[in-house]
C-alpha atoms as a PDB file:
ATOM      1  CA  MET A   1     -10.108 -15.972 -11.193  1.00  0.00           C
ATOM      2  CA  ILE A   2     -13.260 -16.736 -13.208  1.00  0.00           C
ATOM      3  CA  ILE A   3     -15.593 -14.621 -14.817  1.00  0.00           C
ATOM      4  CA  ASP A   4     -18.722 -15.251 -16.403  1.00  0.00           C
ATOM      5  CA  THR A   5     -21.778 -13.709 -17.193  1.00  0.00           C
ATOM      6  CA  LEU A   6     -25.673 -15.379 -16.646  1.00  0.00           C
ATOM      7  CA  ARG A   7     -27.919 -14.877 -19.222  1.00  0.00           C
ATOM      8  CA  SER A   8     -29.737 -12.086 -17.279  1.00  0.00           C
ATOM      9  CA  GLY A   9     -26.738  -9.883 -17.646  1.00  0.00           C
ATOM     10  CA  GLN A  10     -25.425 -10.324 -14.119  1.00  0.00           C
ATOM     11  CA  LEU A  11     -21.760 -10.489 -13.872  1.00  0.00           C
ATOM     12  CA  VAL A  12     -20.136 -13.690 -12.157  1.00  0.00           C
ATOM     13  CA  PHE A  13     -16.885 -14.344 -10.303  1.00  0.00           C
ATOM     14  CA  SER A  14     -15.022 -17.087  -8.764  1.00  0.00           C
ATOM     15  CA  ILE A  15     -11.663 -16.751  -6.526  1.00  0.00           C
ATOM     16  CA  ALA A  16      -9.688 -19.800  -5.435  1.00  0.00           C
ATOM     17  CA  LEU A  17      -9.202 -18.855  -1.982  1.00  0.00           C
ATOM     18  CA  GLY A  18      -7.104 -21.850  -0.774  1.00  0.00           C
ATOM     19  CA  GLU A  19      -3.665 -20.425  -1.962  1.00  0.00           C
ATOM     20  CA  ILE A  20      -4.950 -16.953  -0.876  1.00  0.00           C
ATOM     21  CA  ILE A  21      -5.565 -18.698   3.070  1.00  0.00           C
ATOM     22  CA  GLU A  22      -2.179 -20.878   2.802  1.00  0.00           C
ATOM     23  CA  ASP A  23      -0.480 -17.526   1.935  1.00  0.00           C
ATOM     24  CA  LEU A  24      -2.312 -15.545   5.323  1.00  0.00           C
ATOM     25  CA  LYS A  25      -1.255 -18.612   7.138  1.00  0.00           C
ATOM     26  CA  GLY A  26       2.722 -18.170   6.239  1.00  0.00           C
ATOM     27  CA  GLU A  27       2.094 -14.292   7.275  1.00  0.00           C
ATOM     28  CA  ILE A  28       0.547 -14.748  10.265  1.00  0.00           C
ATOM     29  CA  VAL A  29       2.950 -17.496  11.224  1.00  0.00           C
ATOM     30  CA  SER A  30       5.846 -14.823  10.644  1.00  0.00           C
ATOM     31  CA  MET A  31       4.087 -12.156  12.673  1.00  0.00           C
ATOM     32  CA  GLN A  32       3.483 -14.532  16.015  1.00  0.00           C
ATOM     33  CA  LYS A  33       7.372 -15.069  15.540  1.00  0.00           C
ATOM     34  CA  GLU A  34       9.476 -12.552  18.421  1.00  0.00           C
ATOM     35  CA  LYS A  35      12.336 -10.946  17.138  1.00  0.00           C
ATOM     36  CA  LYS A  36      15.336 -10.030  18.582  1.00  0.00           C
ATOM     37  CA  TYR A  37      16.740  -6.515  19.261  1.00  0.00           C
ATOM     38  CA  GLU A  38      19.042  -4.250  20.877  1.00  0.00           C
ATOM     39  CA  VAL A  39      18.473  -1.128  22.958  1.00  0.00           C
ATOM     40  CA  THR A  40      21.458   1.474  23.778  1.00  0.00           C
ATOM     41  CA  LEU A  41      21.425   2.904  27.203  1.00  0.00           C
ATOM     42  CA  LYS A  42      24.793   5.176  28.551  1.00  0.00           C
ATOM     43  CA  GLY A  43      26.345   3.232  26.048  1.00  0.00           C
ATOM     44  CA  THR A  44      25.793   0.149  27.154  1.00  0.00           C
ATOM     45  CA  LYS A  45      24.212  -2.598  24.813  1.00  0.00           C
ATOM     46  CA  TYR A  46      20.665  -4.901  26.080  1.00  0.00           C
ATOM     47  CA  ALA A  47      19.626  -7.643  23.848  1.00  0.00           C
ATOM     48  CA  VAL A  48      15.798  -7.482  24.319  1.00  0.00           C
ATOM     49  CA  VAL A  49      13.192  -9.917  22.804  1.00  0.00           C
ATOM     50  CA  LEU A  50       9.936  -8.096  21.079  1.00  0.00           C
ATOM     51  CA  HIS A  51       6.380 -10.432  21.252  1.00  0.00           C
ATOM     52  CA  PRO A  52       3.597  -9.280  18.903  1.00  0.00           C
ATOM     53  CA  ASP A  53       0.357  -9.254  20.853  1.00  0.00           C
ATOM     54  CA  ILE A  54      -1.766 -11.015  17.878  1.00  0.00           C
ATOM     55  CA  GLU A  55      -5.017 -10.326  19.967  1.00  0.00           C
ATOM     56  CA  ASP A  56      -5.150  -7.188  21.481  1.00  0.00           C
ATOM     57  CA  GLY A  57      -2.460  -6.017  18.869  1.00  0.00           C
ATOM     58  CA  GLY A  58       0.767  -4.165  19.708  1.00  0.00           C
ATOM     59  CA  PHE A  59       3.254  -5.461  21.266  1.00  0.00           C
ATOM     60  CA  ARG A  60       5.434  -6.797  24.084  1.00  0.00           C
ATOM     61  CA  ILE A  61       9.168  -6.586  24.993  1.00  0.00           C
ATOM     62  CA  GLU A  62      11.506  -8.230  27.674  1.00  0.00           C
ATOM     63  CA  CYS A  63      15.353  -7.983  28.364  1.00  0.00           C
ATOM     64  CA  PRO A  64      16.218 -11.463  29.023  1.00  0.00           C
ATOM     65  CA  SER A  65      19.651 -10.275  30.940  1.00  0.00           C
ATOM     66  CA  LEU A  66      17.243  -8.447  33.468  1.00  0.00           C
ATOM     67  CA  PRO A  67      14.547 -10.428  35.220  1.00  0.00           C
ATOM     68  CA  GLY A  68      11.406  -8.531  35.538  1.00  0.00           C
ATOM     69  CA  CYS A  69      12.195  -5.857  33.241  1.00  0.00           C
ATOM     70  CA  ALA A  70       9.691  -5.768  30.577  1.00  0.00           C
ATOM     71  CA  SER A  71       7.049  -3.442  28.843  1.00  0.00           C
ATOM     72  CA  GLN A  72       4.896  -2.422  26.088  1.00  0.00           C
ATOM     73  CA  GLY A  73       4.185  -0.590  22.844  1.00  0.00           C
ATOM     74  CA  ASP A  74       1.867  -0.256  19.879  1.00  0.00           C
ATOM     75  CA  SER A  75       4.135  -0.115  17.286  1.00  0.00           C
ATOM     76  CA  VAL A  76       7.824  -1.541  17.376  1.00  0.00           C
ATOM     77  CA  GLU A  77       9.646   1.587  17.628  1.00  0.00           C
ATOM     78  CA  GLU A  78       7.312   2.723  20.234  1.00  0.00           C
ATOM     79  CA  ALA A  79       8.094  -0.540  22.247  1.00  0.00           C
ATOM     80  CA  LEU A  80      11.849  -0.045  21.816  1.00  0.00           C
ATOM     81  CA  GLU A  81      11.989   3.052  23.202  1.00  0.00           C
ATOM     82  CA  MET A  82       9.613   1.998  26.463  1.00  0.00           C
ATOM     83  CA  MET A  83      12.196  -0.459  26.392  1.00  0.00           C
ATOM     84  CA  LYS A  84      14.573   1.819  27.017  1.00  0.00           C
ATOM     85  CA  ASP A  85      12.557   3.498  29.952  1.00  0.00           C
ATOM     86  CA  ALA A  86      11.852   0.105  31.356  1.00  0.00           C
ATOM     87  CA  ILE A  87      15.826  -0.394  32.148  1.00  0.00           C
ATOM     88  CA  GLU A  88      16.565   2.601  32.754  1.00  0.00           C
ATOM     89  CA  GLY A  89      14.022   2.211  35.732  1.00  0.00           C
ATOM     90  CA  HIS A  90      15.173  -1.193  36.727  1.00  0.00           C
ATOM     91  CA  LEU A  91      18.991  -0.858  36.805  1.00  0.00           C
ATOM     92  CA  ALA A  92      17.753   2.468  39.334  1.00  0.00           C
ATOM     93  CA  VAL A  93      15.927   0.580  41.498  1.00  0.00           C
ATOM     94  CA  ALA A  94      18.595  -2.219  41.615  1.00  0.00           C
ATOM     95  CA  GLY A  95      20.827   0.751  42.027  1.00  0.00           C
ATOM     96  CA  SER A  96      19.193   1.628  44.753  1.00  0.00           C
ATOM     97  CA  LYS A  97      18.839  -1.789  46.610  1.00  0.00           C
ATOM     98  CA  LYS A  98      22.456  -2.469  46.623  1.00  0.00           C
ATOM     99  CA  VAL A  99      22.614   1.471  48.192  1.00  0.00           C
ATOM    100  CA  VAL A 100      19.790   0.125  50.964  1.00  0.00           C
ATOM    101  CA  LYS A 101      21.894  -3.437  50.980  1.00  0.00           C
ATOM    102  CA  LYS A 102      25.620  -1.547  51.843  1.00  0.00           C
ATOM    103  CA  ALA A 103      24.020   0.979  54.377  1.00  0.00           C
ATOM    104  CA  SER A 104      22.704  -2.383  56.594  1.00  0.00           C
END
């Protein structure tokens, strides 16, 4: 940073933005990366993948072992809690479909 004073008494300062911009680019890239977590439901652990939503904020989350099972949340914690609900619902629907097939 360069600070100087003009004859009229005005204070002038200059900041080198290049380094700051490069640091921010690195932060943005790391924020965009998906992160893997595990959620436990009724004693069973499920691998889940958290995806930051850079444009709208918040996070979307999916459970790769349960196709179509996904959710979202405003924070990481909320997304993980919502994922537990989604997994529970997914398993309930999958269980009811098996019962219907057996009855057929």
